[in-house]
Amino acid sequence: MRILFITATRIGDAVISTGLLAHLVDENPGAKITVACGPLAESLFTSVPGLDRVIVLSKKSFSRHWFKLWADVRSQRWDIVVDLRRSLIPYLVRTNKRFRLAPDDHRSHRVELLSRLFNLEPPRSPTVWISEKEKAAAVGLVGVGDPVIAICPTAARPEKTWPSDRFLELAQTLLKDVSRLPNLKLLLVGAEEDRALLTHLADTLPDGRSMVMAGCPNLQRVAAALSLCAATVANDSGLAHLAAASGCPTVALFGPTRADLYRPWGMRVSVVNAPQNQGDAVITDISVDEVVAAVHSVLD
């Protein structure tokens, strides 16, 4: 059996789709899986059970990336094609069954929307497949002794980004809470372009109390590192979804985005929503005290 799974470009959306892919893997043992995704999400899928290949779908002008994908997959006879990008690919290849994501109803969380493709009830939670190599690398960075809280202070857009000075104040407050969190260390996580900010935060914090993980090319290693943490605090970002999918208690900060539709999925997730101000939520209106309280809540 061969399955083609076409998923997202952005990390957060790709993580959300993993629950549906896990369902396909479980229901079709021995199937050969081909995943088409954006370049940022590629490493998320390289340890999927039964993986045959990952096709990196880099966006091109005039939608030429879809023609390239069609050229890559048209010669194969597929048993199942799942398209979460709403392209025409399912109708342009030979397949026994095709599933194409319906338009958003703006009432359902994305996990629920995707699960309805296969009438899954309850919805299938996101997951992360992590190789033993990446687990070992994460242990080498984070360790397994003193408690660690991950801080992810960046996001794709400014309106989704809590100010860095608030993250610094949050970090300092958590490190001072020795009665609740003795010997706490912080893991500062971000992309390569965030390295300067993460390094600045680390240099401002007490010596030996923080570690920087910037520009790691493998999302499995990042997920493994987050899974070792006592909690993660993140903006509305792909890292928040990755932390929740890894099983780490997660505090996600939301400004203008609707958390009911896009919050990280999981029982161990706490969302701090910016208050509505004349219909618009501004993430800078979230206070440090609110986030500290949310961290204490997920730790408890």
C-alpha atoms as a PDB file:
ATOM      1  CA  MET A   1       0.000   0.000   0.000  1.00  0.00           C
ATOM      2  CA  ARG A   2       1.213   3.508  -0.845  1.00  0.00           C
ATOM      3  CA  ILE A   3      -0.014   6.702   0.822  1.00  0.00           C
ATOM      4  CA  LEU A   4       0.683  10.271  -0.297  1.00  0.00           C
ATOM      5  CA  PHE A   5       0.243  12.837   2.485  1.00  0.00           C
ATOM      6  CA  ILE A   6       0.420  16.505   1.431  1.00  0.00           C
ATOM      7  CA  THR A   7       0.802  18.803   4.400  1.00  0.00           C
ATOM      8  CA  ALA A   8       1.779  22.301   5.429  1.00  0.00           C
ATOM      9  CA  THR A   9       4.662  24.658   4.850  1.00  0.00           C
ATOM     10  CA  ARG A  10       4.610  26.320   8.282  1.00  0.00           C
ATOM     11  CA  ILE A  11       5.875  24.373  11.282  1.00  0.00           C
ATOM     12  CA  GLY A  12       2.787  24.881  13.440  1.00  0.00           C
ATOM     13  CA  ASP A  13       0.374  23.675  10.761  1.00  0.00           C
ATOM     14  CA  ALA A  14       2.649  20.732   9.974  1.00  0.00           C
ATOM     15  CA  VAL A  15       2.686  19.706  13.646  1.00  0.00           C
ATOM     16  CA  ILE A  16      -1.104  19.940  13.812  1.00  0.00           C
ATOM     17  CA  SER A  17      -1.345  17.563  10.831  1.00  0.00           C
ATOM     18  CA  THR A  18       0.705  14.813  12.491  1.00  0.00           C
ATOM     19  CA  GLY A  19      -2.305  13.389  14.336  1.00  0.00           C
ATOM     20  CA  LEU A  20      -4.004  12.623  11.049  1.00  0.00           C
ATOM     21  CA  LEU A  21      -0.819  11.078   9.676  1.00  0.00           C
ATOM     22  CA  ALA A  22      -0.483   8.948  12.826  1.00  0.00           C
ATOM     23  CA  HIS A  23      -4.008   7.665  12.229  1.00  0.00           C
ATOM     24  CA  LEU A  24      -3.077   6.644   8.666  1.00  0.00           C
ATOM     25  CA  VAL A  25       0.061   4.881   9.893  1.00  0.00           C
ATOM     26  CA  ASP A  26      -1.858   2.971  12.568  1.00  0.00           C
ATOM     27  CA  GLU A  27      -4.720   1.977  10.283  1.00  0.00           C
ATOM     28  CA  ASN A  28      -2.467   0.841   7.422  1.00  0.00           C
ATOM     29  CA  PRO A  29       0.400  -1.218   8.869  1.00  0.00           C
ATOM     30  CA  GLY A  30       3.179  -1.820   6.397  1.00  0.00           C
ATOM     31  CA  ALA A  31       2.127   1.044   4.136  1.00  0.00           C
ATOM     32  CA  LYS A  32       4.807   3.056   2.361  1.00  0.00           C
ATOM     33  CA  ILE A  33       4.330   6.719   3.253  1.00  0.00           C
ATOM     34  CA  THR A  34       5.326   9.684   1.087  1.00  0.00           C
ATOM     35  CA  VAL A  35       5.059  13.099   2.751  1.00  0.00           C
ATOM     36  CA  ALA A  36       5.078  16.375   0.808  1.00  0.00           C
ATOM     37  CA  CYS A  37       5.741  19.416   3.005  1.00  0.00           C
ATOM     38  CA  GLY A  38       7.546  22.738   3.154  1.00  0.00           C
ATOM     39  CA  PRO A  39      11.318  22.881   3.755  1.00  0.00           C
ATOM     40  CA  LEU A  40      11.005  24.087   7.363  1.00  0.00           C
ATOM     41  CA  ALA A  41       8.907  21.053   8.285  1.00  0.00           C
ATOM     42  CA  GLU A  42      10.949  18.382   6.485  1.00  0.00           C
ATOM     43  CA  SER A  43      12.797  17.037   9.545  1.00  0.00           C
ATOM     44  CA  LEU A  44       9.513  16.628  11.414  1.00  0.00           C
ATOM     45  CA  PHE A  45       8.619  13.659   9.194  1.00  0.00           C
ATOM     46  CA  THR A  46      11.895  11.820   8.594  1.00  0.00           C
ATOM     47  CA  SER A  47      11.226   9.258  11.354  1.00  0.00           C
ATOM     48  CA  VAL A  48       7.601   8.493  10.459  1.00  0.00           C
ATOM     49  CA  PRO A  49       7.034   4.697  10.551  1.00  0.00           C
ATOM     50  CA  GLY A  50       6.963   3.268   7.043  1.00  0.00           C
ATOM     51  CA  LEU A  51       8.362   6.425   5.481  1.00  0.00           C
ATOM     52  CA  ASP A  52       9.350   5.969   1.848  1.00  0.00           C
ATOM     53  CA  ARG A  53      10.377   9.570   1.123  1.00  0.00           C
ATOM     54  CA  VAL A  54       9.823  13.214   2.009  1.00  0.00           C
ATOM     55  CA  ILE A  55       9.230  15.555  -0.924  1.00  0.00           C
ATOM     56  CA  VAL A  56      10.198  19.130  -0.063  1.00  0.00           C
ATOM     57  CA  LEU A  57       7.674  21.521  -1.552  1.00  0.00           C
ATOM     58  CA  SER A  58       9.441  24.878  -1.947  1.00  0.00           C
ATOM     59  CA  LYS A  59       7.109  27.651  -3.039  1.00  0.00           C
ATOM     60  CA  LYS A  60       7.674  28.926  -6.580  1.00  0.00           C
ATOM     61  CA  SER A  61       6.121  31.754  -8.560  1.00  0.00           C
ATOM     62  CA  PHE A  62       2.935  31.086 -10.534  1.00  0.00           C
ATOM     63  CA  SER A  63       2.310  27.980  -8.358  1.00  0.00           C
ATOM     64  CA  ARG A  64       5.015  26.050 -10.227  1.00  0.00           C
ATOM     65  CA  HIS A  65       5.728  24.068  -7.044  1.00  0.00           C
ATOM     66  CA  TRP A  66       2.466  22.191  -7.597  1.00  0.00           C
ATOM     67  CA  PHE A  67       3.507  21.232 -11.106  1.00  0.00           C
ATOM     68  CA  LYS A  68       6.807  19.931  -9.735  1.00  0.00           C
ATOM     69  CA  LEU A  69       4.998  17.853  -7.103  1.00  0.00           C
ATOM     70  CA  TRP A  70       2.644  16.455  -9.751  1.00  0.00           C
ATOM     71  CA  ALA A  71       5.642  15.514 -11.902  1.00  0.00           C
ATOM     72  CA  ASP A  72       7.185  13.712  -8.898  1.00  0.00           C
ATOM     73  CA  VAL A  73       4.114  11.631  -8.019  1.00  0.00           C
ATOM     74  CA  ARG A  74       2.130  11.160 -11.241  1.00  0.00           C
ATOM     75  CA  SER A  75       3.804   7.901 -12.308  1.00  0.00           C
ATOM     76  CA  GLN A  76       2.889   6.116  -9.072  1.00  0.00           C
ATOM     77  CA  ARG A  77      -0.416   4.376  -8.435  1.00  0.00           C
ATOM     78  CA  TRP A  78      -1.534   5.448  -4.952  1.00  0.00           C
ATOM     79  CA  ASP A  79      -3.876   3.706  -2.570  1.00  0.00           C
ATOM     80  CA  ILE A  80      -4.650   6.832  -0.544  1.00  0.00           C
ATOM     81  CA  VAL A  81      -3.944  10.508  -1.264  1.00  0.00           C
ATOM     82  CA  VAL A  82      -4.550  13.037   1.513  1.00  0.00           C
ATOM     83  CA  ASP A  83      -4.220  16.720   0.614  1.00  0.00           C
ATOM     84  CA  LEU A  84      -4.330  19.287   3.416  1.00  0.00           C
ATOM     85  CA  ARG A  85      -3.298  22.107   1.064  1.00  0.00           C
ATOM     86  CA  ARG A  86      -6.459  21.994  -1.074  1.00  0.00           C
ATOM     87  CA  SER A  87      -4.559  21.565  -4.332  1.00  0.00           C
ATOM     88  CA  LEU A  88      -5.667  19.676  -7.439  1.00  0.00           C
ATOM     89  CA  ILE A  89      -3.094  16.913  -6.963  1.00  0.00           C
ATOM     90  CA  PRO A  90      -5.612  14.308  -5.640  1.00  0.00           C
ATOM     91  CA  TYR A  91      -7.561  14.655  -8.907  1.00  0.00           C
ATOM     92  CA  LEU A  92      -4.502  14.559 -11.166  1.00  0.00           C
ATOM     93  CA  VAL A  93      -2.966  11.273 -10.004  1.00  0.00           C
ATOM     94  CA  ARG A  94      -4.182   7.674 -10.015  1.00  0.00           C
ATOM     95  CA  THR A  95      -5.492   6.736  -6.580  1.00  0.00           C
ATOM     96  CA  ASN A  96      -8.044   4.404  -5.022  1.00  0.00           C
ATOM     97  CA  LYS A  97      -9.107   6.923  -2.383  1.00  0.00           C
ATOM     98  CA  ARG A  98      -8.632  10.673  -2.185  1.00  0.00           C
ATOM     99  CA  PHE A  99      -9.221  13.035   0.741  1.00  0.00           C
ATOM    100  CA  ARG A 100      -9.012  16.799   0.363  1.00  0.00           C
ATOM    101  CA  LEU A 101      -9.367  19.235   3.249  1.00  0.00           C
ATOM    102  CA  ALA A 102     -12.664  21.087   3.317  1.00  0.00           C
ATOM    103  CA  PRO A 103     -12.755  24.894   3.634  1.00  0.00           C
ATOM    104  CA  ASP A 104     -12.375  26.275   7.152  1.00  0.00           C
ATOM    105  CA  ASP A 105     -15.642  26.708   9.004  1.00  0.00           C
ATOM    106  CA  HIS A 106     -14.041  29.227  11.421  1.00  0.00           C
ATOM    107  CA  ARG A 107     -15.765  27.410  14.278  1.00  0.00           C
ATOM    108  CA  SER A 108     -13.560  24.359  14.747  1.00  0.00           C
ATOM    109  CA  HIS A 109     -10.007  23.985  15.972  1.00  0.00           C
ATOM    110  CA  ARG A 110      -7.666  22.876  13.195  1.00  0.00           C
ATOM    111  CA  VAL A 111      -7.138  19.478  14.834  1.00  0.00           C
ATOM    112  CA  GLU A 112     -10.905  18.926  14.809  1.00  0.00           C
ATOM    113  CA  LEU A 113     -11.187  20.132  11.213  1.00  0.00           C
ATOM    114  CA  LEU A 114      -8.499  17.708  10.045  1.00  0.00           C
ATOM    115  CA  SER A 115      -9.918  14.814  12.061  1.00  0.00           C
ATOM    116  CA  ARG A 116     -13.257  15.163  10.291  1.00  0.00           C
ATOM    117  CA  LEU A 117     -11.586  13.994   7.073  1.00  0.00           C
ATOM    118  CA  PHE A 118     -11.725  10.488   8.590  1.00  0.00           C
ATOM    119  CA  ASN A 119     -14.596  11.044  11.047  1.00  0.00           C
ATOM    120  CA  LEU A 120     -12.256  10.641  14.004  1.00  0.00           C
ATOM    121  CA  GLU A 121     -13.937  11.111  17.363  1.00  0.00           C
ATOM    122  CA  PRO A 122     -12.311  12.129  19.595  1.00  0.00           C
ATOM    123  CA  PRO A 123      -9.947  14.110  17.337  1.00  0.00           C
ATOM    124  CA  ARG A 124      -6.481  12.614  16.914  1.00  0.00           C
ATOM    125  CA  SER A 125      -3.855  14.566  18.842  1.00  0.00           C
ATOM    126  CA  PRO A 126      -0.611  15.697  17.175  1.00  0.00           C
ATOM    127  CA  THR A 127       2.485  13.638  17.807  1.00  0.00           C
ATOM    128  CA  VAL A 128       6.195  13.738  17.035  1.00  0.00           C
ATOM    129  CA  TRP A 129       8.254  10.759  15.876  1.00  0.00           C
ATOM    130  CA  ILE A 130      11.760  11.176  17.334  1.00  0.00           C
ATOM    131  CA  SER A 131      14.771   9.046  16.406  1.00  0.00           C
ATOM    132  CA  GLU A 132      17.030   7.614  19.108  1.00  0.00           C
ATOM    133  CA  LYS A 133      19.889   9.708  17.727  1.00  0.00           C
ATOM    134  CA  GLU A 134      17.981  12.945  18.256  1.00  0.00           C
ATOM    135  CA  LYS A 135      16.787  11.872  21.720  1.00  0.00           C
ATOM    136  CA  ALA A 136      20.407  11.290  22.746  1.00  0.00           C
ATOM    137  CA  ALA A 137      21.486  14.641  21.325  1.00  0.00           C
ATOM    138  CA  ALA A 138      18.724  16.393  23.291  1.00  0.00           C
ATOM    139  CA  VAL A 139      19.759  14.699  26.530  1.00  0.00           C
ATOM    140  CA  GLY A 140      23.314  15.869  25.902  1.00  0.00           C
ATOM    141  CA  LEU A 141      22.095  19.465  25.695  1.00  0.00           C
ATOM    142  CA  VAL A 142      19.364  19.607  28.345  1.00  0.00           C
ATOM    143  CA  GLY A 143      20.475  16.883  30.751  1.00  0.00           C
ATOM    144  CA  VAL A 144      18.188  14.883  33.012  1.00  0.00           C
ATOM    145  CA  GLY A 145      18.923  16.336  36.445  1.00  0.00           C
ATOM    146  CA  ASP A 146      17.884  19.846  37.420  1.00  0.00           C
ATOM    147  CA  PRO A 147      14.499  21.166  36.216  1.00  0.00           C
ATOM    148  CA  VAL A 148      14.515  23.130  32.965  1.00  0.00           C
ATOM    149  CA  ILE A 149      11.936  25.542  31.562  1.00  0.00           C
ATOM    150  CA  ALA A 150      12.091  26.366  27.861  1.00  0.00           C
ATOM    151  CA  ILE A 151      11.596  29.973  26.764  1.00  0.00           C
ATOM    152  CA  CYS A 152      10.715  30.583  23.100  1.00  0.00           C
ATOM    153  CA  PRO A 153      10.610  34.387  22.735  1.00  0.00           C
ATOM    154  CA  THR A 154      10.072  34.812  18.986  1.00  0.00           C
ATOM    155  CA  ALA A 155       7.286  34.329  16.439  1.00  0.00           C
ATOM    156  CA  ALA A 156       6.723  34.680  12.708  1.00  0.00           C
ATOM    157  CA  ARG A 157       5.020  38.081  12.956  1.00  0.00           C
ATOM    158  CA  PRO A 158       5.498  41.095  15.277  1.00  0.00           C
ATOM    159  CA  GLU A 159       1.867  41.136  16.374  1.00  0.00           C
ATOM    160  CA  LYS A 160       2.323  37.576  17.678  1.00  0.00           C
ATOM    161  CA  THR A 161       5.489  38.403  19.602  1.00  0.00           C
ATOM    162  CA  TRP A 162       5.484  39.273  23.293  1.00  0.00           C
ATOM    163  CA  PRO A 163       8.226  41.884  23.986  1.00  0.00           C
ATOM    164  CA  SER A 164      11.662  40.478  24.725  1.00  0.00           C
ATOM    165  CA  ASP A 165      12.012  42.583  27.888  1.00  0.00           C
ATOM    166  CA  ARG A 166       8.899  40.818  29.255  1.00  0.00           C
ATOM    167  CA  PHE A 167      10.462  37.455  28.516  1.00  0.00           C
ATOM    168  CA  LEU A 168      13.584  38.614  30.347  1.00  0.00           C
ATOM    169  CA  GLU A 169      11.525  39.694  33.354  1.00  0.00           C
ATOM    170  CA  LEU A 170       9.676  36.367  33.242  1.00  0.00           C
ATOM    171  CA  ALA A 171      12.970  34.456  33.172  1.00  0.00           C
ATOM    172  CA  GLN A 172      14.374  36.433  36.097  1.00  0.00           C
ATOM    173  CA  THR A 173      11.181  35.888  38.111  1.00  0.00           C
ATOM    174  CA  LEU A 174      11.216  32.137  37.531  1.00  0.00           C
ATOM    175  CA  LEU A 175      14.891  31.850  38.476  1.00  0.00           C
ATOM    176  CA  LYS A 176      14.254  33.663  41.760  1.00  0.00           C
ATOM    177  CA  ASP A 177      11.429  31.283  42.723  1.00  0.00           C
ATOM    178  CA  VAL A 178      13.760  28.910  44.574  1.00  0.00           C
ATOM    179  CA  SER A 179      11.020  27.523  46.846  1.00  0.00           C
ATOM    180  CA  ARG A 180       9.026  26.161  43.895  1.00  0.00           C
ATOM    181  CA  LEU A 181      11.814  25.652  41.364  1.00  0.00           C
ATOM    182  CA  PRO A 182      15.141  24.981  43.091  1.00  0.00           C
ATOM    183  CA  ASN A 183      18.173  24.750  40.783  1.00  0.00           C
ATOM    184  CA  LEU A 184      16.066  25.802  37.804  1.00  0.00           C
ATOM    185  CA  LYS A 185      17.744  26.299  34.445  1.00  0.00           C
ATOM    186  CA  LEU A 186      16.330  27.890  31.306  1.00  0.00           C
ATOM    187  CA  LEU A 187      16.534  26.673  27.711  1.00  0.00           C
ATOM    188  CA  LEU A 188      16.270  29.578  25.254  1.00  0.00           C
ATOM    189  CA  VAL A 189      15.004  28.285  21.902  1.00  0.00           C
ATOM    190  CA  GLY A 190      14.703  29.918  18.490  1.00  0.00           C
ATOM    191  CA  ALA A 191      15.790  29.967  14.865  1.00  0.00           C
ATOM    192  CA  GLU A 192      19.227  30.951  13.611  1.00  0.00           C
ATOM    193  CA  GLU A 193      18.059  34.511  13.004  1.00  0.00           C
ATOM    194  CA  ASP A 194      17.071  34.664  16.680  1.00  0.00           C
ATOM    195  CA  ARG A 195      20.550  33.780  17.951  1.00  0.00           C
ATOM    196  CA  ALA A 196      21.533  37.358  18.813  1.00  0.00           C
ATOM    197  CA  LEU A 197      18.397  37.856  20.921  1.00  0.00           C
ATOM    198  CA  LEU A 198      18.747  34.493  22.664  1.00  0.00           C
ATOM    199  CA  THR A 199      22.422  35.149  23.395  1.00  0.00           C
ATOM    200  CA  HIS A 200      21.600  38.601  24.765  1.00  0.00           C
ATOM    201  CA  LEU A 201      18.997  37.106  27.104  1.00  0.00           C
ATOM    202  CA  ALA A 202      21.424  34.412  28.254  1.00  0.00           C
ATOM    203  CA  ASP A 203      24.163  36.983  28.886  1.00  0.00           C
ATOM    204  CA  THR A 204      21.744  39.065  30.981  1.00  0.00           C
ATOM    205  CA  LEU A 205      20.733  36.123  33.175  1.00  0.00           C
ATOM    206  CA  PRO A 206      22.894  34.706  36.002  1.00  0.00           C
ATOM    207  CA  ASP A 207      25.877  32.639  34.839  1.00  0.00           C
ATOM    208  CA  GLY A 208      25.229  28.960  34.322  1.00  0.00           C
ATOM    209  CA  ARG A 209      21.444  29.260  34.587  1.00  0.00           C
ATOM    210  CA  SER A 210      20.574  29.276  30.887  1.00  0.00           C
ATOM    211  CA  MET A 211      21.333  27.406  27.658  1.00  0.00           C
ATOM    212  CA  VAL A 212      20.831  28.568  24.067  1.00  0.00           C
ATOM    213  CA  MET A 213      19.391  26.352  21.339  1.00  0.00           C
ATOM    214  CA  ALA A 214      19.387  28.437  18.167  1.00  0.00           C
ATOM    215  CA  GLY A 215      19.092  27.343  14.563  1.00  0.00           C
ATOM    216  CA  CYS A 216      18.828  23.616  15.207  1.00  0.00           C
ATOM    217  CA  PRO A 217      18.087  22.144  11.763  1.00  0.00           C
ATOM    218  CA  ASN A 218      16.240  19.095  13.099  1.00  0.00           C
ATOM    219  CA  LEU A 219      12.789  19.593  14.604  1.00  0.00           C
ATOM    220  CA  GLN A 220      12.948  16.132  16.148  1.00  0.00           C
ATOM    221  CA  ARG A 221      15.902  17.245  18.277  1.00  0.00           C
ATOM    222  CA  VAL A 222      14.058  20.412  19.282  1.00  0.00           C
ATOM    223  CA  ALA A 223      10.977  18.376  20.201  1.00  0.00           C
ATOM    224  CA  ALA A 224      13.105  15.930  22.183  1.00  0.00           C
ATOM    225  CA  ALA A 225      14.719  18.812  24.075  1.00  0.00           C
ATOM    226  CA  LEU A 226      11.332  20.357  24.859  1.00  0.00           C
ATOM    227  CA  SER A 227       9.995  16.986  26.024  1.00  0.00           C
ATOM    228  CA  LEU A 228      12.698  16.949  28.709  1.00  0.00           C
ATOM    229  CA  CYS A 229      11.597  20.325  30.084  1.00  0.00           C
ATOM    230  CA  ALA A 230       9.276  20.883  33.032  1.00  0.00           C
ATOM    231  CA  ALA A 231       7.409  23.496  30.971  1.00  0.00           C
ATOM    232  CA  THR A 232       7.656  25.624  27.830  1.00  0.00           C
ATOM    233  CA  VAL A 233       6.618  29.270  27.452  1.00  0.00           C
ATOM    234  CA  ALA A 234       6.178  30.369  23.845  1.00  0.00           C
ATOM    235  CA  ASN A 235       4.484  32.908  21.642  1.00  0.00           C
ATOM    236  CA  ASP A 236       1.785  31.856  19.201  1.00  0.00           C
ATOM    237  CA  SER A 237       4.318  29.975  17.086  1.00  0.00           C
ATOM    238  CA  GLY A 238       5.369  26.638  15.666  1.00  0.00           C
ATOM    239  CA  LEU A 239       7.495  25.991  18.742  1.00  0.00           C
ATOM    240  CA  ALA A 240       4.413  26.188  20.970  1.00  0.00           C
ATOM    241  CA  HIS A 241       2.747  23.476  18.865  1.00  0.00           C
ATOM    242  CA  LEU A 242       5.937  21.396  18.846  1.00  0.00           C
ATOM    243  CA  ALA A 243       6.249  21.614  22.640  1.00  0.00           C
ATOM    244  CA  ALA A 244       2.649  20.542  23.199  1.00  0.00           C
ATOM    245  CA  ALA A 245       2.943  17.653  20.728  1.00  0.00           C
ATOM    246  CA  SER A 246       6.097  16.464  22.512  1.00  0.00           C
ATOM    247  CA  GLY A 247       4.133  16.195  25.778  1.00  0.00           C
ATOM    248  CA  CYS A 248       5.729  19.169  27.491  1.00  0.00           C
ATOM    249  CA  PRO A 249       3.387  21.312  29.661  1.00  0.00           C
ATOM    250  CA  THR A 250       3.020  24.429  27.512  1.00  0.00           C
ATOM    251  CA  VAL A 251       2.077  28.054  28.113  1.00  0.00           C
ATOM    252  CA  ALA A 252       1.155  29.772  24.826  1.00  0.00           C
ATOM    253  CA  LEU A 253       0.757  33.549  24.526  1.00  0.00           C
ATOM    254  CA  PHE A 254      -1.907  34.728  22.086  1.00  0.00           C
ATOM    255  CA  GLY A 255      -2.592  38.221  20.787  1.00  0.00           C
ATOM    256  CA  PRO A 256      -4.770  38.810  17.701  1.00  0.00           C
ATOM    257  CA  THR A 257      -5.004  35.156  16.614  1.00  0.00           C
ATOM    258  CA  ARG A 258      -8.067  33.169  17.706  1.00  0.00           C
ATOM    259  CA  ALA A 259      -6.798  30.686  20.258  1.00  0.00           C
ATOM    260  CA  ASP A 260      -9.975  28.601  20.002  1.00  0.00           C
ATOM    261  CA  LEU A 261      -8.980  27.750  16.423  1.00  0.00           C
ATOM    262  CA  TYR A 262      -5.182  27.676  16.577  1.00  0.00           C
ATOM    263  CA  ARG A 263      -4.066  27.018  20.173  1.00  0.00           C
ATOM    264  CA  PRO A 264      -1.570  24.207  20.735  1.00  0.00           C
ATOM    265  CA  TRP A 265      -3.557  21.011  21.212  1.00  0.00           C
ATOM    266  CA  GLY A 266      -3.255  19.009  24.404  1.00  0.00           C
ATOM    267  CA  MET A 267      -4.401  18.483  27.967  1.00  0.00           C
ATOM    268  CA  ARG A 268      -1.259  20.105  29.364  1.00  0.00           C
ATOM    269  CA  VAL A 269      -1.627  23.433  27.564  1.00  0.00           C
ATOM    270  CA  SER A 270      -2.466  26.790  29.144  1.00  0.00           C
ATOM    271  CA  VAL A 271      -3.286  29.732  26.873  1.00  0.00           C
ATOM    272  CA  VAL A 272      -2.777  33.325  28.020  1.00  0.00           C
ATOM    273  CA  ASN A 273      -4.973  35.514  25.848  1.00  0.00           C
ATOM    274  CA  ALA A 274      -4.396  39.239  25.482  1.00  0.00           C
ATOM    275  CA  PRO A 275      -7.462  41.162  26.672  1.00  0.00           C
ATOM    276  CA  GLN A 276      -9.789  42.551  24.028  1.00  0.00           C
ATOM    277  CA  ASN A 277      -9.377  46.292  23.544  1.00  0.00           C
ATOM    278  CA  GLN A 278     -12.203  47.657  21.383  1.00  0.00           C
ATOM    279  CA  GLY A 279     -12.327  44.364  19.518  1.00  0.00           C
ATOM    280  CA  ASP A 280      -8.577  43.983  19.002  1.00  0.00           C
ATOM    281  CA  ALA A 281      -6.300  41.903  21.210  1.00  0.00           C
ATOM    282  CA  VAL A 282      -2.754  43.242  21.539  1.00  0.00           C
ATOM    283  CA  ILE A 283      -0.160  40.785  22.812  1.00  0.00           C
ATOM    284  CA  THR A 284       1.770  43.537  24.609  1.00  0.00           C
ATOM    285  CA  ASP A 285      -1.215  43.821  26.982  1.00  0.00           C
ATOM    286  CA  ILE A 286      -0.312  40.466  28.547  1.00  0.00           C
ATOM    287  CA  SER A 287       1.415  41.030  31.889  1.00  0.00           C
ATOM    288  CA  VAL A 288       4.373  39.121  33.302  1.00  0.00           C
ATOM    289  CA  ASP A 289       2.301  38.200  36.369  1.00  0.00           C
ATOM    290  CA  GLU A 290      -0.294  36.493  34.140  1.00  0.00           C
ATOM    291  CA  VAL A 291       2.361  34.376  32.473  1.00  0.00           C
ATOM    292  CA  VAL A 292       4.035  33.476  35.775  1.00  0.00           C
ATOM    293  CA  ALA A 293       0.661  32.322  37.096  1.00  0.00           C
ATOM    294  CA  ALA A 294       0.097  30.203  33.976  1.00  0.00           C
ATOM    295  CA  VAL A 295       3.549  28.589  34.375  1.00  0.00           C
ATOM    296  CA  HIS A 296       2.751  27.729  38.000  1.00  0.00           C
ATOM    297  CA  SER A 297      -0.577  26.277  36.854  1.00  0.00           C
ATOM    298  CA  VAL A 298       0.906  23.880  34.295  1.00  0.00           C
ATOM    299  CA  LEU A 299       3.670  22.886  36.715  1.00  0.00           C
ATOM    300  CA  ASP A 300       1.082  22.041  39.355  1.00  0.00           C
END
